[in-house]
Structures are given as structure tokens and as C-alpha cells.
Amino acid sequence: MKFKTKKELKVFLDTQVELFERPEFFESDPLGIPHRFSKKEDIEIIGFLTATIAWGNRKSIINSANRMCLLMDNSPHDFIINHTEEDYKELEGFVHRTYNSVDLQYFFFALQRLYKEQNGLEGIFSEGFSFHGNAADAISHFKKQFFQFEHLKRTQKHVSDPMKGSSAKRLNMYLRWMVRPADKGVDFGLWKNIPLNKLMIPLDVHTGKIGRRLGLLMRTQNDWRAVEELMTALRKFDCEDPTKYDFALFGLGVSGF
């Protein structure tokens, strides 16, 4: 599909956002997992864990996230705060692709320390955005805080770092979930101290493909430089909430546009 002007393209994308930013969007999507909870801390904890394993087959992701919910007795925050080393025995055998029980054990441990001794997930991400003013440094700041405790080096690969060139797709997706407004019944709008216009799009094979097809992205690699290039284009359509176009690009990609 060709568009004569940028204005025509904006109208098209805005229409697609309205089409895809609906609760039906996550009926078979990992985002449906945190939507089962109502407590803020439950949502942000299970949201983070679900986003962490959100690569590969969506059905497999949902199955693994459901198992994590069961391991936390369907009370993520209460479990994270109160679990002991004895509970780690129940994690044996957990695996989602390259993410295994050793990784999950560290994630549980680190989350417990962050919620007991710091200001939890929101506090650390908000601190990063406040201090640095951009998503790349804020995500890198989070990774440093998350891995400040003793851990196996292998576990670090499950938290991406834009400062090393990664598109950080899963963390950008998680930030979109937590920050963007909840008025459409899709994202949660829980974190108020991170500006919408500082969010970056979760670049994956679908958003990248459609972005290139529409002339919004020239770079062929799906890395952080591509994220920045795509965001530069999307901010021209909406400088206040540019990541809303994730729904349009992803939805078009999945639907075979």
C-alpha cells in the first residue's frame, strides 16, 4: 500500500491503532496474564516475569507464565515478599527455552530484595528515567540494579541492555504495559512518573517488517539503532504518545498486511 503524503500515512496508522488497541488484542497474547490480577504489585511483578520469557511461540509463553503464577500461588507480590529458600525446591524442572529454574530462582531472589530494600520495579525504572531522561540509559540502569546481587553470569542474558545494542524488545514492551494509559483496557497506566514520550517501541519481526514496508524504517537490523530510527518517524505522528503505534505495526504484521 502506497501513501502519497505523511498525513495519509498518519491517518491510516491512527485508524489501525483504534482497530487493534482493544482487549481482544491480548486474548491470545502474554499481556493477558497480568490482566488476571488487580493489585498493582501483582500486575507489575507477573508482568515483568511474563515479559522476560516473551519470545517464541505465544502459546508456549502463556503456558510458562501460567506455571510461574502457580509457583507463586497466584499471589505474586505476597510470594515475592515472603518466600524462603525452601520454596526454590518447587522450581526444579521449570524451563522456558533457555530460561530455566536457576534463572527463575535468581529473579525471585532479586525481586524480593528490590521490593524489601528498594522501591520495587516502579521505583528503579522511574529513578532511571528521572536521572537519565531516556529509555536506553534507564533500562541499562535497571539491569545494573537487578544484577547487583550474586548470580550466575548466564542469567544476565535474560535482561537486555540497549547500551550494548540490543533492541530490548521485551523490556520496552513491559514499560509500555506499565506506563501507557489504561483507558482502552489494554495497557495498565500504573506508573505515573515515566513520561509517555520517553517510551520506545518494542521492535520485533512484525513491527520491523511493517515499519520498513511503510517507509518508516530503513535499517535492516532489529537493534537499538533501528528502534531509535523508527521512534523518530513515529514521533512525527504523535510526539506525546508515539508508542501507541506499536498496536498498528504489530497488528498489521500479525494479520499479514
C-alpha atoms as a PDB file:
ATOM      1  CA  MET A   1       0.000   0.000   0.000  1.00  0.00           C
ATOM      2  CA  LYS A   2       1.391   3.381  -1.068  1.00  0.00           C
ATOM      3  CA  PHE A   3       0.701   6.685   0.652  1.00  0.00           C
ATOM      4  CA  LYS A   4       1.129   9.957  -1.196  1.00  0.00           C
ATOM      5  CA  THR A   5       1.789  12.004   1.923  1.00  0.00           C
ATOM      6  CA  LYS A   6       2.858  11.541   5.537  1.00  0.00           C
ATOM      7  CA  LYS A   7      -0.555  12.849   6.536  1.00  0.00           C
ATOM      8  CA  GLU A   8      -2.259   9.980   4.700  1.00  0.00           C
ATOM      9  CA  LEU A   9       0.056   7.513   6.419  1.00  0.00           C
ATOM     10  CA  LYS A  10      -0.712   9.028   9.826  1.00  0.00           C
ATOM     11  CA  VAL A  11      -4.455   8.741   9.220  1.00  0.00           C
ATOM     12  CA  PHE A  12      -4.006   5.111   8.205  1.00  0.00           C
ATOM     13  CA  LEU A  13      -1.896   4.273  11.266  1.00  0.00           C
ATOM     14  CA  ASP A  14      -4.255   6.099  13.630  1.00  0.00           C
ATOM     15  CA  THR A  15      -7.109   4.030  12.211  1.00  0.00           C
ATOM     16  CA  GLN A  16      -5.140   0.841  12.779  1.00  0.00           C
ATOM     17  CA  VAL A  17      -4.371   1.836  16.374  1.00  0.00           C
ATOM     18  CA  GLU A  18      -8.106   2.196  17.018  1.00  0.00           C
ATOM     19  CA  LEU A  19      -8.668  -1.189  15.410  1.00  0.00           C
ATOM     20  CA  PHE A  20      -6.039  -3.097  17.381  1.00  0.00           C
ATOM     21  CA  GLU A  21      -5.858  -1.319  20.771  1.00  0.00           C
ATOM     22  CA  ARG A  22      -8.707  -3.311  22.261  1.00  0.00           C
ATOM     23  CA  PRO A  23      -8.949  -6.017  24.931  1.00  0.00           C
ATOM     24  CA  GLU A  24      -9.393  -8.593  22.185  1.00  0.00           C
ATOM     25  CA  PHE A  25      -5.765  -7.814  21.317  1.00  0.00           C
ATOM     26  CA  PHE A  26      -4.463  -9.820  24.261  1.00  0.00           C
ATOM     27  CA  GLU A  27      -6.931 -12.728  24.346  1.00  0.00           C
ATOM     28  CA  SER A  28      -4.187 -14.974  22.985  1.00  0.00           C
ATOM     29  CA  ASP A  29      -1.272 -12.741  23.993  1.00  0.00           C
ATOM     30  CA  PRO A  30       1.057 -12.833  27.037  1.00  0.00           C
ATOM     31  CA  LEU A  31      -0.413  -9.476  28.092  1.00  0.00           C
ATOM     32  CA  GLY A  32      -3.478 -11.414  29.182  1.00  0.00           C
ATOM     33  CA  ILE A  33      -1.511 -12.892  32.118  1.00  0.00           C
ATOM     34  CA  PRO A  34      -1.101  -9.668  34.160  1.00  0.00           C
ATOM     35  CA  HIS A  35      -4.697  -8.737  33.287  1.00  0.00           C
ATOM     36  CA  ARG A  36      -5.834 -11.550  35.577  1.00  0.00           C
ATOM     37  CA  PHE A  37      -4.679  -9.551  38.584  1.00  0.00           C
ATOM     38  CA  SER A  38      -5.945  -6.329  40.161  1.00  0.00           C
ATOM     39  CA  LYS A  39      -3.310  -5.488  42.790  1.00  0.00           C
ATOM     40  CA  LYS A  40      -0.681  -3.079  41.431  1.00  0.00           C
ATOM     41  CA  GLU A  41       2.314  -5.040  42.687  1.00  0.00           C
ATOM     42  CA  ASP A  42       0.889  -8.333  41.411  1.00  0.00           C
ATOM     43  CA  ILE A  43       0.466  -6.836  37.954  1.00  0.00           C
ATOM     44  CA  GLU A  44       3.940  -5.353  37.747  1.00  0.00           C
ATOM     45  CA  ILE A  45       5.687  -8.472  39.085  1.00  0.00           C
ATOM     46  CA  ILE A  46       3.926 -11.051  36.928  1.00  0.00           C
ATOM     47  CA  GLY A  47       4.060  -8.599  34.030  1.00  0.00           C
ATOM     48  CA  PHE A  48       7.833  -8.371  34.367  1.00  0.00           C
ATOM     49  CA  LEU A  49       8.262 -12.139  34.626  1.00  0.00           C
ATOM     50  CA  THR A  50       5.942 -12.747  31.674  1.00  0.00           C
ATOM     51  CA  ALA A  51       7.690 -10.146  29.528  1.00  0.00           C
ATOM     52  CA  THR A  52      11.046 -11.730  30.416  1.00  0.00           C
ATOM     53  CA  ILE A  53      10.067 -15.034  28.766  1.00  0.00           C
ATOM     54  CA  ALA A  54       8.080 -13.449  25.917  1.00  0.00           C
ATOM     55  CA  TRP A  55       9.914 -14.833  22.948  1.00  0.00           C
ATOM     56  CA  GLY A  56       8.966 -17.701  20.699  1.00  0.00           C
ATOM     57  CA  ASN A  57       5.551 -19.327  20.382  1.00  0.00           C
ATOM     58  CA  ARG A  58       2.869 -17.295  22.167  1.00  0.00           C
ATOM     59  CA  LYS A  59       1.031 -20.399  23.390  1.00  0.00           C
ATOM     60  CA  SER A  60       4.247 -21.677  24.948  1.00  0.00           C
ATOM     61  CA  ILE A  61       4.893 -18.276  26.569  1.00  0.00           C
ATOM     62  CA  ILE A  62       1.412 -18.261  28.106  1.00  0.00           C
ATOM     63  CA  ASN A  63       1.784 -21.829  29.367  1.00  0.00           C
ATOM     64  CA  SER A  64       5.104 -20.994  31.025  1.00  0.00           C
ATOM     65  CA  ALA A  65       3.696 -17.788  32.537  1.00  0.00           C
ATOM     66  CA  ASN A  66       0.751 -19.752  33.914  1.00  0.00           C
ATOM     67  CA  ARG A  67       3.198 -22.124  35.567  1.00  0.00           C
ATOM     68  CA  MET A  68       5.019 -19.177  37.147  1.00  0.00           C
ATOM     69  CA  CYS A  69       1.689 -17.972  38.520  1.00  0.00           C
ATOM     70  CA  LEU A  70       1.097 -21.369  40.099  1.00  0.00           C
ATOM     71  CA  LEU A  71       4.605 -21.436  41.567  1.00  0.00           C
ATOM     72  CA  MET A  72       3.762 -18.116  43.240  1.00  0.00           C
ATOM     73  CA  ASP A  73       0.405 -19.423  44.488  1.00  0.00           C
ATOM     74  CA  ASN A  74      -1.328 -16.913  42.205  1.00  0.00           C
ATOM     75  CA  SER A  75      -0.243 -14.134  44.598  1.00  0.00           C
ATOM     76  CA  PRO A  76       2.936 -12.748  43.013  1.00  0.00           C
ATOM     77  CA  HIS A  77       3.635  -9.891  45.418  1.00  0.00           C
ATOM     78  CA  ASP A  78       2.889 -11.857  48.569  1.00  0.00           C
ATOM     79  CA  PHE A  79       5.060 -14.709  47.329  1.00  0.00           C
ATOM     80  CA  ILE A  80       7.963 -12.468  46.348  1.00  0.00           C
ATOM     81  CA  ILE A  81       7.966 -10.722  49.717  1.00  0.00           C
ATOM     82  CA  ASN A  82       7.553 -13.834  51.867  1.00  0.00           C
ATOM     83  CA  HIS A  83       9.130 -16.759  50.038  1.00  0.00           C
ATOM     84  CA  THR A  84      12.119 -18.604  51.503  1.00  0.00           C
ATOM     85  CA  GLU A  85      14.857 -20.827  50.116  1.00  0.00           C
ATOM     86  CA  GLU A  86      12.615 -23.828  50.800  1.00  0.00           C
ATOM     87  CA  ASP A  87      10.276 -22.605  48.048  1.00  0.00           C
ATOM     88  CA  TYR A  88      13.047 -22.873  45.474  1.00  0.00           C
ATOM     89  CA  LYS A  89      12.736 -26.650  45.555  1.00  0.00           C
ATOM     90  CA  GLU A  90       9.394 -26.274  43.751  1.00  0.00           C
ATOM     91  CA  LEU A  91      11.129 -24.538  40.852  1.00  0.00           C
ATOM     92  CA  GLU A  92      13.110 -27.615  39.827  1.00  0.00           C
ATOM     93  CA  GLY A  93      12.212 -28.642  36.313  1.00  0.00           C
ATOM     94  CA  PHE A  94      10.921 -25.234  35.236  1.00  0.00           C
ATOM     95  CA  VAL A  95      12.174 -24.336  31.780  1.00  0.00           C
ATOM     96  CA  HIS A  96      11.117 -21.976  29.021  1.00  0.00           C
ATOM     97  CA  ARG A  97      13.517 -22.269  26.110  1.00  0.00           C
ATOM     98  CA  THR A  98      16.866 -21.115  27.606  1.00  0.00           C
ATOM     99  CA  TYR A  99      15.265 -19.672  30.761  1.00  0.00           C
ATOM    100  CA  ASN A 100      15.365 -22.319  33.481  1.00  0.00           C
ATOM    101  CA  SER A 101      14.858 -22.877  37.202  1.00  0.00           C
ATOM    102  CA  VAL A 102      18.249 -21.371  38.066  1.00  0.00           C
ATOM    103  CA  ASP A 103      17.286 -18.153  36.302  1.00  0.00           C
ATOM    104  CA  LEU A 104      13.827 -18.075  37.872  1.00  0.00           C
ATOM    105  CA  GLN A 105      15.304 -18.607  41.322  1.00  0.00           C
ATOM    106  CA  TYR A 106      17.558 -15.579  40.893  1.00  0.00           C
ATOM    107  CA  PHE A 107      14.679 -13.483  39.549  1.00  0.00           C
ATOM    108  CA  PHE A 108      12.582 -14.364  42.606  1.00  0.00           C
ATOM    109  CA  PHE A 109      15.501 -13.590  44.924  1.00  0.00           C
ATOM    110  CA  ALA A 110      16.373 -10.277  43.238  1.00  0.00           C
ATOM    111  CA  LEU A 111      12.737  -9.162  43.170  1.00  0.00           C
ATOM    112  CA  GLN A 112      12.435  -9.908  46.883  1.00  0.00           C
ATOM    113  CA  ARG A 113      15.456  -7.761  47.661  1.00  0.00           C
ATOM    114  CA  LEU A 114      14.267  -4.947  45.393  1.00  0.00           C
ATOM    115  CA  TYR A 115      10.798  -4.867  46.940  1.00  0.00           C
ATOM    116  CA  LYS A 116      12.034  -5.167  50.521  1.00  0.00           C
ATOM    117  CA  GLU A 117      15.058  -2.872  50.357  1.00  0.00           C
ATOM    118  CA  GLN A 118      14.391  -0.506  47.446  1.00  0.00           C
ATOM    119  CA  ASN A 119      11.258   0.846  45.803  1.00  0.00           C
ATOM    120  CA  GLY A 120      10.434  -2.185  43.699  1.00  0.00           C
ATOM    121  CA  LEU A 121      10.243  -2.297  39.923  1.00  0.00           C
ATOM    122  CA  GLU A 122       8.482   1.036  39.503  1.00  0.00           C
ATOM    123  CA  GLY A 123      10.923   2.830  41.768  1.00  0.00           C
ATOM    124  CA  ILE A 124      14.013   1.580  39.946  1.00  0.00           C
ATOM    125  CA  PHE A 125      12.708   2.276  36.448  1.00  0.00           C
ATOM    126  CA  SER A 126      11.366   5.699  37.493  1.00  0.00           C
ATOM    127  CA  GLU A 127      14.722   6.521  39.062  1.00  0.00           C
ATOM    128  CA  GLY A 128      16.480   5.604  35.829  1.00  0.00           C
ATOM    129  CA  PHE A 129      14.219   7.756  33.671  1.00  0.00           C
ATOM    130  CA  SER A 130      14.397  10.664  36.114  1.00  0.00           C
ATOM    131  CA  PHE A 131      18.174  10.592  36.309  1.00  0.00           C
ATOM    132  CA  HIS A 132      18.985   9.842  32.665  1.00  0.00           C
ATOM    133  CA  GLY A 133      15.943  11.129  30.780  1.00  0.00           C
ATOM    134  CA  ASN A 134      15.892   8.368  28.178  1.00  0.00           C
ATOM    135  CA  ALA A 135      14.871   4.724  27.895  1.00  0.00           C
ATOM    136  CA  ALA A 136      18.242   3.304  26.865  1.00  0.00           C
ATOM    137  CA  ASP A 137      20.027   4.516  29.985  1.00  0.00           C
ATOM    138  CA  ALA A 138      17.008   3.816  32.201  1.00  0.00           C
ATOM    139  CA  ILE A 139      16.887   0.172  31.084  1.00  0.00           C
ATOM    140  CA  SER A 140      20.643  -0.169  31.493  1.00  0.00           C
ATOM    141  CA  HIS A 141      20.304   1.354  34.990  1.00  0.00           C
ATOM    142  CA  PHE A 142      17.626  -1.210  35.815  1.00  0.00           C
ATOM    143  CA  LYS A 143      19.797  -4.093  34.658  1.00  0.00           C
ATOM    144  CA  LYS A 144      22.662  -2.963  36.884  1.00  0.00           C
ATOM    145  CA  GLN A 145      20.330  -2.709  39.866  1.00  0.00           C
ATOM    146  CA  PHE A 146      18.702  -6.052  39.147  1.00  0.00           C
ATOM    147  CA  PHE A 147      22.005  -7.901  38.950  1.00  0.00           C
ATOM    148  CA  GLN A 148      23.688  -6.205  41.892  1.00  0.00           C
ATOM    149  CA  PHE A 149      23.414  -9.442  43.894  1.00  0.00           C
ATOM    150  CA  GLU A 150      25.480 -12.593  43.473  1.00  0.00           C
ATOM    151  CA  HIS A 151      24.324 -14.532  40.399  1.00  0.00           C
ATOM    152  CA  LEU A 152      25.412 -16.823  37.599  1.00  0.00           C
ATOM    153  CA  LYS A 153      26.596 -14.946  34.525  1.00  0.00           C
ATOM    154  CA  ARG A 154      24.236 -16.989  32.309  1.00  0.00           C
ATOM    155  CA  THR A 155      21.201 -15.341  33.938  1.00  0.00           C
ATOM    156  CA  GLN A 156      22.207 -11.862  32.748  1.00  0.00           C
ATOM    157  CA  LYS A 157      21.263 -12.697  29.167  1.00  0.00           C
ATOM    158  CA  HIS A 158      17.588 -12.651  30.118  1.00  0.00           C
ATOM    159  CA  VAL A 159      17.628  -8.884  30.706  1.00  0.00           C
ATOM    160  CA  SER A 160      18.653  -6.930  27.611  1.00  0.00           C
ATOM    161  CA  ASP A 161      20.820  -3.813  27.576  1.00  0.00           C
ATOM    162  CA  PRO A 162      20.335  -1.131  24.885  1.00  0.00           C
ATOM    163  CA  MET A 163      23.778   0.222  25.725  1.00  0.00           C
ATOM    164  CA  LYS A 164      25.126  -2.978  24.164  1.00  0.00           C
ATOM    165  CA  GLY A 165      22.999  -2.534  21.055  1.00  0.00           C
ATOM    166  CA  SER A 166      20.014  -4.701  21.962  1.00  0.00           C
ATOM    167  CA  SER A 167      16.548  -3.592  20.866  1.00  0.00           C
ATOM    168  CA  ALA A 168      15.383  -4.545  24.392  1.00  0.00           C
ATOM    169  CA  LYS A 169      12.057  -5.563  22.881  1.00  0.00           C
ATOM    170  CA  ARG A 170      10.716  -7.315  25.974  1.00  0.00           C
ATOM    171  CA  LEU A 171      11.569  -4.538  28.436  1.00  0.00           C
ATOM    172  CA  ASN A 172      10.190  -1.869  26.101  1.00  0.00           C
ATOM    173  CA  MET A 173       7.019  -3.931  25.843  1.00  0.00           C
ATOM    174  CA  TYR A 174       6.867  -4.237  29.632  1.00  0.00           C
ATOM    175  CA  LEU A 175       7.322  -0.477  30.061  1.00  0.00           C
ATOM    176  CA  ARG A 176       4.517   0.132  27.570  1.00  0.00           C
ATOM    177  CA  TRP A 177       2.260  -2.138  29.621  1.00  0.00           C
ATOM    178  CA  MET A 178       3.048  -0.322  32.875  1.00  0.00           C
ATOM    179  CA  VAL A 179       3.113   3.290  31.647  1.00  0.00           C
ATOM    180  CA  ARG A 180       0.614   3.788  28.827  1.00  0.00           C
ATOM    181  CA  PRO A 181      -2.919   4.731  29.968  1.00  0.00           C
ATOM    182  CA  ALA A 182      -5.479   2.062  30.782  1.00  0.00           C
ATOM    183  CA  ASP A 183      -8.455   3.807  29.157  1.00  0.00           C
ATOM    184  CA  LYS A 184      -8.620   1.320  26.259  1.00  0.00           C
ATOM    185  CA  GLY A 185      -8.457  -1.691  28.590  1.00  0.00           C
ATOM    186  CA  VAL A 186      -5.141  -2.912  27.210  1.00  0.00           C
ATOM    187  CA  ASP A 187      -2.168  -1.259  28.934  1.00  0.00           C
ATOM    188  CA  PHE A 188      -2.276  -0.557  32.668  1.00  0.00           C
ATOM    189  CA  GLY A 189      -1.206   3.049  33.258  1.00  0.00           C
ATOM    190  CA  LEU A 190       0.182   2.142  36.689  1.00  0.00           C
ATOM    191  CA  TRP A 191       3.447   4.068  36.609  1.00  0.00           C
ATOM    192  CA  LYS A 192       2.811   7.803  36.533  1.00  0.00           C
ATOM    193  CA  ASN A 193       6.369   9.130  36.855  1.00  0.00           C
ATOM    194  CA  ILE A 194       7.658   7.952  33.475  1.00  0.00           C
ATOM    195  CA  PRO A 195       6.715  10.254  30.561  1.00  0.00           C
ATOM    196  CA  LEU A 196       4.820   8.617  27.710  1.00  0.00           C
ATOM    197  CA  ASN A 197       7.016  10.326  25.149  1.00  0.00           C
ATOM    198  CA  LYS A 198      10.117   8.669  26.607  1.00  0.00           C
ATOM    199  CA  LEU A 199       8.883   5.137  25.909  1.00  0.00           C
ATOM    200  CA  MET A 200      10.380   3.209  22.996  1.00  0.00           C
ATOM    201  CA  ILE A 201       8.587   0.784  20.716  1.00  0.00           C
ATOM    202  CA  PRO A 202       9.034  -2.979  21.282  1.00  0.00           C
ATOM    203  CA  LEU A 203      10.746  -3.742  17.984  1.00  0.00           C
ATOM    204  CA  ASP A 204      10.215  -7.297  16.778  1.00  0.00           C
ATOM    205  CA  VAL A 205       9.925  -9.102  13.461  1.00  0.00           C
ATOM    206  CA  HIS A 206       6.354  -7.824  12.932  1.00  0.00           C
ATOM    207  CA  THR A 207       6.855  -4.151  13.798  1.00  0.00           C
ATOM    208  CA  GLY A 208      10.142  -4.112  11.918  1.00  0.00           C
ATOM    209  CA  LYS A 209       8.662  -5.647   8.782  1.00  0.00           C
ATOM    210  CA  ILE A 210       5.713  -3.258   8.629  1.00  0.00           C
ATOM    211  CA  GLY A 211       7.868  -0.278   9.587  1.00  0.00           C
ATOM    212  CA  ARG A 212      10.114  -0.970   6.615  1.00  0.00           C
ATOM    213  CA  ARG A 213       7.180  -1.642   4.305  1.00  0.00           C
ATOM    214  CA  LEU A 214       5.690   1.743   5.196  1.00  0.00           C
ATOM    215  CA  GLY A 215       8.990   3.576   4.794  1.00  0.00           C
ATOM    216  CA  LEU A 216       9.341   4.357   8.494  1.00  0.00           C
ATOM    217  CA  LEU A 217      12.471   2.276   8.968  1.00  0.00           C
ATOM    218  CA  MET A 218      15.438   1.848   6.670  1.00  0.00           C
ATOM    219  CA  ARG A 219      17.874  -0.009   8.924  1.00  0.00           C
ATOM    220  CA  THR A 220      17.819  -3.741   8.236  1.00  0.00           C
ATOM    221  CA  GLN A 221      18.887  -4.936  11.711  1.00  0.00           C
ATOM    222  CA  ASN A 222      16.387  -5.035  14.561  1.00  0.00           C
ATOM    223  CA  ASP A 223      18.715  -3.398  17.084  1.00  0.00           C
ATOM    224  CA  TRP A 224      18.615  -0.274  19.258  1.00  0.00           C
ATOM    225  CA  ARG A 225      19.623   1.985  16.388  1.00  0.00           C
ATOM    226  CA  ALA A 226      16.599   0.689  14.475  1.00  0.00           C
ATOM    227  CA  VAL A 227      14.376   1.401  17.499  1.00  0.00           C
ATOM    228  CA  GLU A 228      15.639   4.992  17.577  1.00  0.00           C
ATOM    229  CA  GLU A 229      15.126   5.414  13.827  1.00  0.00           C
ATOM    230  CA  LEU A 230      11.571   4.079  13.989  1.00  0.00           C
ATOM    231  CA  MET A 231      10.750   6.248  17.002  1.00  0.00           C
ATOM    232  CA  THR A 232      11.998   9.355  15.184  1.00  0.00           C
ATOM    233  CA  ALA A 233       9.451   8.637  12.454  1.00  0.00           C
ATOM    234  CA  LEU A 234       6.590   7.812  14.851  1.00  0.00           C
ATOM    235  CA  ARG A 235       7.107  10.932  16.971  1.00  0.00           C
ATOM    236  CA  LYS A 236       6.239  12.994  13.899  1.00  0.00           C
ATOM    237  CA  PHE A 237       2.770  11.406  14.017  1.00  0.00           C
ATOM    238  CA  ASP A 238       2.297  11.740  17.789  1.00  0.00           C
ATOM    239  CA  CYS A 239       5.017  13.384  19.846  1.00  0.00           C
ATOM    240  CA  GLU A 240       3.249  12.744  23.164  1.00  0.00           C
ATOM    241  CA  ASP A 241       2.389   9.039  22.840  1.00  0.00           C
ATOM    242  CA  PRO A 242       4.361   7.595  19.913  1.00  0.00           C
ATOM    243  CA  THR A 243       4.462   4.002  21.201  1.00  0.00           C
ATOM    244  CA  LYS A 244       0.704   3.696  20.670  1.00  0.00           C
ATOM    245  CA  TYR A 245       1.661   2.829  17.088  1.00  0.00           C
ATOM    246  CA  ASP A 246       3.030  -0.473  18.355  1.00  0.00           C
ATOM    247  CA  PHE A 247      -0.550  -1.758  18.131  1.00  0.00           C
ATOM    248  CA  ALA A 248      -0.854  -0.726  14.491  1.00  0.00           C
ATOM    249  CA  LEU A 249       2.525  -2.080  13.350  1.00  0.00           C
ATOM    250  CA  PHE A 250       2.328  -5.323  15.328  1.00  0.00           C
ATOM    251  CA  GLY A 251      -1.317  -5.903  14.433  1.00  0.00           C
ATOM    252  CA  LEU A 252      -0.700  -5.314  10.738  1.00  0.00           C
ATOM    253  CA  GLY A 253       2.287  -7.656  10.859  1.00  0.00           C
ATOM    254  CA  VAL A 254       0.411 -10.472  12.552  1.00  0.00           C
ATOM    255  CA  SER A 255      -2.582 -10.074  10.219  1.00  0.00           C
ATOM    256  CA  GLY A 256      -0.360 -10.443   7.164  1.00  0.00           C
ATOM    257  CA  PHE A 257      -0.554  -6.874   5.798  1.00  0.00           C
END
